[in-house]
Amino acid sequence: MSTDQEPTTITPYPDGPLLVRGEIELRTPEGEVIRPHRRTMALCRCGLSVIKPFCDGTHKAAGFRTEDEGSSEGP
């Protein structure tokens, strides 16, 4: 295992997709590997994308909103 490999991260964006950075193996419900075209992927959270599991921006027009528990400002 190489020590220079960055860790994989998944970042939920408020009112938007899950942004996945790093090496990950993504599969269909049938177990087939989905080949990413980029090292960073935006995965749909609203369920409305026509290119699922990837985000196509439909969440914006649909008014998709998330409840961001960790987004409140500190003291």
PDB file of N, CA and C in Angstrom:
ATOM      1  N   MET A   1       0.846  -1.201   0.000  1.00  0.00           N
ATOM      2  CA  MET A   1       0.000   0.000   0.000  1.00  0.00           C
ATOM      3  C   MET A   1       0.877   1.245   0.000  1.00  0.00           C
ATOM      4  N   SER A   2       0.562   2.159  -0.859  1.00  0.00           N
ATOM      5  CA  SER A   2       1.333   3.381  -0.979  1.00  0.00           C
ATOM      6  C   SER A   2       0.940   4.368   0.114  1.00  0.00           C
ATOM      7  N   THR A   3       1.930   5.039   0.684  1.00  0.00           N
ATOM      8  CA  THR A   3       1.641   6.010   1.735  1.00  0.00           C
ATOM      9  C   THR A   3       1.281   7.379   1.178  1.00  0.00           C
ATOM     10  N   ASP A   4       1.467   7.579  -0.143  1.00  0.00           N
ATOM     11  CA  ASP A   4       1.159   8.884  -0.717  1.00  0.00           C
ATOM     12  C   ASP A   4      -0.282   8.975  -1.224  1.00  0.00           C
ATOM     13  N   GLN A   5      -1.064   7.905  -1.055  1.00  0.00           N
ATOM     14  CA  GLN A   5      -2.457   7.913  -1.492  1.00  0.00           C
ATOM     15  C   GLN A   5      -3.311   8.711  -0.499  1.00  0.00           C
ATOM     16  N   GLU A   6      -4.088   9.645  -1.050  1.00  0.00           N
ATOM     17  CA  GLU A   6      -4.959  10.445  -0.200  1.00  0.00           C
ATOM     18  C   GLU A   6      -6.156   9.618   0.242  1.00  0.00           C
ATOM     19  N   PRO A   7      -6.694   9.884   1.420  1.00  0.00           N
ATOM     20  CA  PRO A   7      -7.870   9.134   1.864  1.00  0.00           C
ATOM     21  C   PRO A   7      -9.104   9.508   1.045  1.00  0.00           C
ATOM     22  N   THR A   8     -10.017   8.578   0.941  1.00  0.00           N
ATOM     23  CA  THR A   8     -11.281   8.846   0.270  1.00  0.00           C
ATOM     24  C   THR A   8     -12.159   9.632   1.221  1.00  0.00           C
ATOM     25  N   THR A   9     -12.806  10.671   0.697  1.00  0.00           N
ATOM     26  CA  THR A   9     -13.711  11.480   1.516  1.00  0.00           C
ATOM     27  C   THR A   9     -15.064  11.594   0.830  1.00  0.00           C
ATOM     28  N   ILE A  10     -16.101  11.662   1.639  1.00  0.00           N
ATOM     29  CA  ILE A  10     -17.458  11.899   1.147  1.00  0.00           C
ATOM     30  C   ILE A  10     -17.981  13.121   1.877  1.00  0.00           C
ATOM     31  N   THR A  11     -18.306  14.162   1.118  1.00  0.00           N
ATOM     32  CA  THR A  11     -18.757  15.426   1.697  1.00  0.00           C
ATOM     33  C   THR A  11     -20.173  15.726   1.232  1.00  0.00           C
ATOM     34  N   PRO A  12     -21.154  15.760   2.168  1.00  0.00           N
ATOM     35  CA  PRO A  12     -22.511  16.143   1.773  1.00  0.00           C
ATOM     36  C   PRO A  12     -22.592  17.659   1.638  1.00  0.00           C
ATOM     37  N   TYR A  13     -23.017  18.115   0.478  1.00  0.00           N
ATOM     38  CA  TYR A  13     -23.165  19.547   0.275  1.00  0.00           C
ATOM     39  C   TYR A  13     -24.586  19.971   0.625  1.00  0.00           C
ATOM     40  N   PRO A  14     -24.741  21.056   1.380  1.00  0.00           N
ATOM     41  CA  PRO A  14     -26.080  21.523   1.748  1.00  0.00           C
ATOM     42  C   PRO A  14     -26.936  21.715   0.495  1.00  0.00           C
ATOM     43  N   ASP A  15     -28.116  21.136   0.527  1.00  0.00           N
ATOM     44  CA  ASP A  15     -29.077  21.240  -0.570  1.00  0.00           C
ATOM     45  C   ASP A  15     -28.520  20.721  -1.898  1.00  0.00           C
ATOM     46  N   GLY A  16     -27.556  19.815  -1.839  1.00  0.00           N
ATOM     47  CA  GLY A  16     -26.938  19.301  -3.050  1.00  0.00           C
ATOM     48  C   GLY A  16     -26.454  17.874  -2.928  1.00  0.00           C
ATOM     49  N   PRO A  17     -25.517  17.503  -3.776  1.00  0.00           N
ATOM     50  CA  PRO A  17     -25.069  16.122  -3.867  1.00  0.00           C
ATOM     51  C   PRO A  17     -24.068  15.730  -2.782  1.00  0.00           C
ATOM     52  N   LEU A  18     -23.692  14.455  -2.825  1.00  0.00           N
ATOM     53  CA  LEU A  18     -22.572  13.952  -2.042  1.00  0.00           C
ATOM     54  C   LEU A  18     -21.359  14.032  -2.948  1.00  0.00           C
ATOM     55  N   LEU A  19     -20.317  14.710  -2.518  1.00  0.00           N
ATOM     56  CA  LEU A  19     -19.105  14.821  -3.308  1.00  0.00           C
ATOM     57  C   LEU A  19     -18.112  13.784  -2.799  1.00  0.00           C
ATOM     58  N   VAL A  20     -17.719  12.865  -3.670  1.00  0.00           N
ATOM     59  CA  VAL A  20     -16.806  11.781  -3.320  1.00  0.00           C
ATOM     60  C   VAL A  20     -15.468  12.066  -3.977  1.00  0.00           C
ATOM     61  N   ARG A  21     -14.413  12.134  -3.151  1.00  0.00           N
ATOM     62  CA  ARG A  21     -13.059  12.369  -3.659  1.00  0.00           C
ATOM     63  C   ARG A  21     -12.183  11.195  -3.251  1.00  0.00           C
ATOM     64  N   GLY A  22     -11.398  10.694  -4.193  1.00  0.00           N
ATOM     65  CA  GLY A  22     -10.479   9.604  -3.894  1.00  0.00           C
ATOM     66  C   GLY A  22     -10.908   8.306  -4.553  1.00  0.00           C
ATOM     67  N   GLU A  23     -10.162   7.263  -4.253  1.00  0.00           N
ATOM     68  CA  GLU A  23     -10.419   5.950  -4.838  1.00  0.00           C
ATOM     69  C   GLU A  23     -11.630   5.303  -4.175  1.00  0.00           C
ATOM     70  N   ILE A  24     -12.575   4.843  -5.001  1.00  0.00           N
ATOM     71  CA  ILE A  24     -13.767   4.175  -4.496  1.00  0.00           C
ATOM     72  C   ILE A  24     -14.284   3.248  -5.594  1.00  0.00           C
ATOM     73  N   GLU A  25     -14.868   2.143  -5.198  1.00  0.00           N
ATOM     74  CA  GLU A  25     -15.497   1.248  -6.167  1.00  0.00           C
ATOM     75  C   GLU A  25     -16.999   1.406  -6.007  1.00  0.00           C
ATOM     76  N   LEU A  26     -17.642   1.893  -7.042  1.00  0.00           N
ATOM     77  CA  LEU A  26     -19.075   2.138  -7.042  1.00  0.00           C
ATOM     78  C   LEU A  26     -19.736   1.033  -7.857  1.00  0.00           C
ATOM     79  N   ARG A  27     -20.822   0.448  -7.312  1.00  0.00           N
ATOM     80  CA  ARG A  27     -21.495  -0.668  -7.982  1.00  0.00           C
ATOM     81  C   ARG A  27     -22.987  -0.408  -8.119  1.00  0.00           C
ATOM     82  N   THR A  28     -23.585  -1.045  -9.120  1.00  0.00           N
ATOM     83  CA  THR A  28     -25.036  -1.007  -9.313  1.00  0.00           C
ATOM     84  C   THR A  28     -25.670  -1.955  -8.292  1.00  0.00           C
ATOM     85  N   PRO A  29     -26.998  -1.891  -8.123  1.00  0.00           N
ATOM     86  CA  PRO A  29     -27.656  -2.854  -7.231  1.00  0.00           C
ATOM     87  C   PRO A  29     -27.414  -4.311  -7.655  1.00  0.00           C
ATOM     88  N   GLU A  30     -27.112  -4.529  -8.935  1.00  0.00           N
ATOM     89  CA  GLU A  30     -26.847  -5.874  -9.439  1.00  0.00           C
ATOM     90  C   GLU A  30     -25.389  -6.288  -9.233  1.00  0.00           C
ATOM     91  N   GLY A  31     -24.566  -5.388  -8.706  1.00  0.00           N
ATOM     92  CA  GLY A  31     -23.175  -5.706  -8.429  1.00  0.00           C
ATOM     93  C   GLY A  31     -22.193  -5.348  -9.529  1.00  0.00           C
ATOM     94  N   GLU A  32     -22.672  -4.741 -10.612  1.00  0.00           N
ATOM     95  CA  GLU A  32     -21.777  -4.344 -11.700  1.00  0.00           C
ATOM     96  C   GLU A  32     -21.025  -3.076 -11.315  1.00  0.00           C
ATOM     97  N   VAL A  33     -19.744  -3.040 -11.638  1.00  0.00           N
ATOM     98  CA  VAL A  33     -18.916  -1.876 -11.318  1.00  0.00           C
ATOM     99  C   VAL A  33     -19.278  -0.723 -12.245  1.00  0.00           C
ATOM    100  N   ILE A  34     -19.473   0.461 -11.643  1.00  0.00           N
ATOM    101  CA  ILE A  34     -19.709   1.694 -12.406  1.00  0.00           C
ATOM    102  C   ILE A  34     -18.369   2.410 -12.499  1.00  0.00           C
ATOM    103  N   ARG A  35     -17.888   2.581 -13.693  1.00  0.00           N
ATOM    104  CA  ARG A  35     -16.589   3.231 -13.896  1.00  0.00           C
ATOM    105  C   ARG A  35     -16.748   4.752 -13.848  1.00  0.00           C
ATOM    106  N   PRO A  36     -16.102   5.379 -12.884  1.00  0.00           N
ATOM    107  CA  PRO A  36     -16.182   6.847 -12.840  1.00  0.00           C
ATOM    108  C   PRO A  36     -15.342   7.453 -13.953  1.00  0.00           C
ATOM    109  N   HIS A  37     -15.767   8.603 -14.457  1.00  0.00           N
ATOM    110  CA  HIS A  37     -15.026   9.292 -15.508  1.00  0.00           C
ATOM    111  C   HIS A  37     -14.055  10.306 -14.925  1.00  0.00           C
ATOM    112  N   ARG A  38     -14.193  10.526 -13.618  1.00  0.00           N
ATOM    113  CA  ARG A  38     -13.333  11.506 -12.943  1.00  0.00           C
ATOM    114  C   ARG A  38     -12.940  10.964 -11.570  1.00  0.00           C
ATOM    115  N   ARG A  39     -11.926  11.559 -10.994  1.00  0.00           N
ATOM    116  CA  ARG A  39     -11.489  11.166  -9.648  1.00  0.00           C
ATOM    117  C   ARG A  39     -12.448  11.708  -8.584  1.00  0.00           C
ATOM    118  N   THR A  40     -13.123  12.826  -8.874  1.00  0.00           N
ATOM    119  CA  THR A  40     -14.125  13.384  -7.974  1.00  0.00           C
ATOM    120  C   THR A  40     -15.490  13.167  -8.606  1.00  0.00           C
ATOM    121  N   MET A  41     -16.414  12.603  -7.810  1.00  0.00           N
ATOM    122  CA  MET A  41     -17.763  12.322  -8.313  1.00  0.00           C
ATOM    123  C   MET A  41     -18.793  13.028  -7.452  1.00  0.00           C
ATOM    124  N   ALA A  42     -19.849  13.512  -8.072  1.00  0.00           N
ATOM    125  CA  ALA A  42     -20.988  14.082  -7.357  1.00  0.00           C
ATOM    126  C   ALA A  42     -22.124  13.070  -7.472  1.00  0.00           C
ATOM    127  N   LEU A  43     -22.547  12.527  -6.336  1.00  0.00           N
ATOM    128  CA  LEU A  43     -23.609  11.535  -6.319  1.00  0.00           C
ATOM    129  C   LEU A  43     -24.936  12.172  -5.923  1.00  0.00           C
ATOM    130  N   CYS A  44     -25.995  11.812  -6.639  1.00  0.00           N
ATOM    131  CA  CYS A  44     -27.323  12.366  -6.421  1.00  0.00           C
ATOM    132  C   CYS A  44     -27.852  12.016  -5.035  1.00  0.00           C
ATOM    133  N   ARG A  45     -28.452  12.997  -4.369  1.00  0.00           N
ATOM    134  CA  ARG A  45     -29.133  12.783  -3.088  1.00  0.00           C
ATOM    135  C   ARG A  45     -30.623  13.053  -3.181  1.00  0.00           C
ATOM    136  N   CYS A  46     -31.044  13.761  -4.221  1.00  0.00           N
ATOM    137  CA  CYS A  46     -32.458  14.140  -4.307  1.00  0.00           C
ATOM    138  C   CYS A  46     -33.314  13.052  -4.955  1.00  0.00           C
ATOM    139  N   GLY A  47     -32.677  12.148  -5.706  1.00  0.00           N
ATOM    140  CA  GLY A  47     -33.408  11.081  -6.364  1.00  0.00           C
ATOM    141  C   GLY A  47     -34.005  11.465  -7.711  1.00  0.00           C
ATOM    142  N   LEU A  48     -33.731  12.671  -8.193  1.00  0.00           N
ATOM    143  CA  LEU A  48     -34.340  13.155  -9.428  1.00  0.00           C
ATOM    144  C   LEU A  48     -33.408  13.186 -10.638  1.00  0.00           C
ATOM    145  N   SER A  49     -32.132  12.910 -10.453  1.00  0.00           N
ATOM    146  CA  SER A  49     -31.173  12.961 -11.543  1.00  0.00           C
ATOM    147  C   SER A  49     -31.496  11.928 -12.618  1.00  0.00           C
ATOM    148  N   VAL A  50     -31.320  12.304 -13.878  1.00  0.00           N
ATOM    149  CA  VAL A  50     -31.531  11.348 -14.966  1.00  0.00           C
ATOM    150  C   VAL A  50     -30.275  10.540 -15.264  1.00  0.00           C
ATOM    151  N   ILE A  51     -29.163  10.865 -14.600  1.00  0.00           N
ATOM    152  CA  ILE A  51     -27.922  10.112 -14.786  1.00  0.00           C
ATOM    153  C   ILE A  51     -27.481   9.451 -13.470  1.00  0.00           C
ATOM    154  N   LYS A  52     -28.478   9.023 -12.666  1.00  0.00           N
ATOM    155  CA  LYS A  52     -28.172   8.362 -11.394  1.00  0.00           C
ATOM    156  C   LYS A  52     -27.187   7.223 -11.599  1.00  0.00           C
ATOM    157  N   PRO A  53     -26.274   7.040 -10.703  1.00  0.00           N
ATOM    158  CA  PRO A  53     -26.206   7.601  -9.366  1.00  0.00           C
ATOM    159  C   PRO A  53     -25.553   8.978  -9.306  1.00  0.00           C
ATOM    160  N   PHE A  54     -25.185   9.524 -10.470  1.00  0.00           N
ATOM    161  CA  PHE A  54     -24.488  10.806 -10.488  1.00  0.00           C
ATOM    162  C   PHE A  54     -25.468  11.973 -10.490  1.00  0.00           C
ATOM    163  N   CYS A  55     -25.017  13.098  -9.971  1.00  0.00           N
ATOM    164  CA  CYS A  55     -25.821  14.318  -9.908  1.00  0.00           C
ATOM    165  C   CYS A  55     -25.794  15.024 -11.261  1.00  0.00           C
ATOM    166  N   ASP A  56     -26.955  15.514 -11.694  1.00  0.00           N
ATOM    167  CA  ASP A  56     -27.015  16.306 -12.927  1.00  0.00           C
ATOM    168  C   ASP A  56     -27.494  17.732 -12.671  1.00  0.00           C
ATOM    169  N   GLY A  57     -27.625  18.119 -11.405  1.00  0.00           N
ATOM    170  CA  GLY A  57     -28.037  19.475 -11.055  1.00  0.00           C
ATOM    171  C   GLY A  57     -29.532  19.666 -10.929  1.00  0.00           C
ATOM    172  N   THR A  58     -30.319  18.615 -11.141  1.00  0.00           N
ATOM    173  CA  THR A  58     -31.782  18.711 -11.069  1.00  0.00           C
ATOM    174  C   THR A  58     -32.259  19.190  -9.700  1.00  0.00           C
ATOM    175  N   HIS A  59     -31.487  18.918  -8.653  1.00  0.00           N
ATOM    176  CA  HIS A  59     -31.882  19.305  -7.299  1.00  0.00           C
ATOM    177  C   HIS A  59     -32.137  20.809  -7.180  1.00  0.00           C
ATOM    178  N   LYS A  60     -31.420  21.600  -7.953  1.00  0.00           N
ATOM    179  CA  LYS A  60     -31.591  23.062  -7.887  1.00  0.00           C
ATOM    180  C   LYS A  60     -32.974  23.478  -8.373  1.00  0.00           C
ATOM    181  N   ALA A  61     -33.359  22.998  -9.552  1.00  0.00           N
ATOM    182  CA  ALA A  61     -34.667  23.351 -10.122  1.00  0.00           C
ATOM    183  C   ALA A  61     -35.813  22.770  -9.302  1.00  0.00           C
ATOM    184  N   ALA A  62     -35.573  21.635  -8.668  1.00  0.00           N
ATOM    185  CA  ALA A  62     -36.615  20.972  -7.887  1.00  0.00           C
ATOM    186  C   ALA A  62     -36.765  21.562  -6.489  1.00  0.00           C
ATOM    187  N   GLY A  63     -35.809  22.393  -6.093  1.00  0.00           N
ATOM    188  CA  GLY A  63     -35.873  22.996  -4.765  1.00  0.00           C
ATOM    189  C   GLY A  63     -35.508  22.025  -3.652  1.00  0.00           C
ATOM    190  N   PHE A  64     -34.672  21.026  -3.950  1.00  0.00           N
ATOM    191  CA  PHE A  64     -34.245  20.040  -2.952  1.00  0.00           C
ATOM    192  C   PHE A  64     -33.552  20.732  -1.789  1.00  0.00           C
ATOM    193  N   ARG A  65     -33.938  20.366  -0.584  1.00  0.00           N
ATOM    194  CA  ARG A  65     -33.348  20.940   0.624  1.00  0.00           C
ATOM    195  C   ARG A  65     -32.944  19.836   1.580  1.00  0.00           C
ATOM    196  N   THR A  66     -31.830  20.043   2.255  1.00  0.00           N
ATOM    197  CA  THR A  66     -31.367  19.119   3.280  1.00  0.00           C
ATOM    198  C   THR A  66     -31.438  19.809   4.628  1.00  0.00           C
ATOM    199  N   GLU A  67     -31.483  18.999   5.657  1.00  0.00           N
ATOM    200  CA  GLU A  67     -31.401  19.546   7.005  1.00  0.00           C
ATOM    201  C   GLU A  67     -29.968  19.422   7.441  1.00  0.00           C
ATOM    202  N   ASP A  68     -29.274  20.543   7.533  1.00  0.00           N
ATOM    203  CA  ASP A  68     -27.861  20.549   7.853  1.00  0.00           C
ATOM    204  C   ASP A  68     -27.647  20.765   9.339  1.00  0.00           C
ATOM    205  N   GLU A  69     -27.558  19.637  10.043  1.00  0.00           N
ATOM    206  CA  GLU A  69     -27.410  19.699  11.503  1.00  0.00           C
ATOM    207  C   GLU A  69     -26.120  20.360  11.912  1.00  0.00           C
ATOM    208  N   GLY A  70     -25.045  20.146  11.154  1.00  0.00           N
ATOM    209  CA  GLY A  70     -23.739  20.684  11.536  1.00  0.00           C
ATOM    210  C   GLY A  70     -23.440  22.051  10.973  1.00  0.00           C
ATOM    211  N   SER A  71     -24.414  22.706  10.362  1.00  0.00           N
ATOM    212  CA  SER A  71     -24.134  23.987   9.718  1.00  0.00           C
ATOM    213  C   SER A  71     -24.389  25.197  10.584  1.00  0.00           C
ATOM    214  N   SER A  72     -24.844  25.002  11.817  1.00  0.00           N
ATOM    215  CA  SER A  72     -25.093  26.166  12.675  1.00  0.00           C
ATOM    216  C   SER A  72     -23.779  26.787  13.108  1.00  0.00           C
ATOM    217  N   GLU A  73     -23.790  28.082  13.264  1.00  0.00           N
ATOM    218  CA  GLU A  73     -22.579  28.790  13.637  1.00  0.00           C
ATOM    219  C   GLU A  73     -22.300  28.609  15.117  1.00  0.00           C
ATOM    220  N   GLY A  74     -21.029  28.559  15.441  1.00  0.00           N
ATOM    221  CA  GLY A  74     -20.608  28.397  16.832  1.00  0.00           C
ATOM    222  C   GLY A  74     -20.756  29.669  17.622  1.00  0.00           C
ATOM    223  N   PRO A  75     -20.435  29.592  18.910  1.00  0.00           N
ATOM    224  CA  PRO A  75     -20.561  30.790  19.783  1.00  0.00           C
ATOM    225  C   PRO A  75     -19.652  31.913  19.396  1.00  0.00           C
TER     226      PRO A  75
END
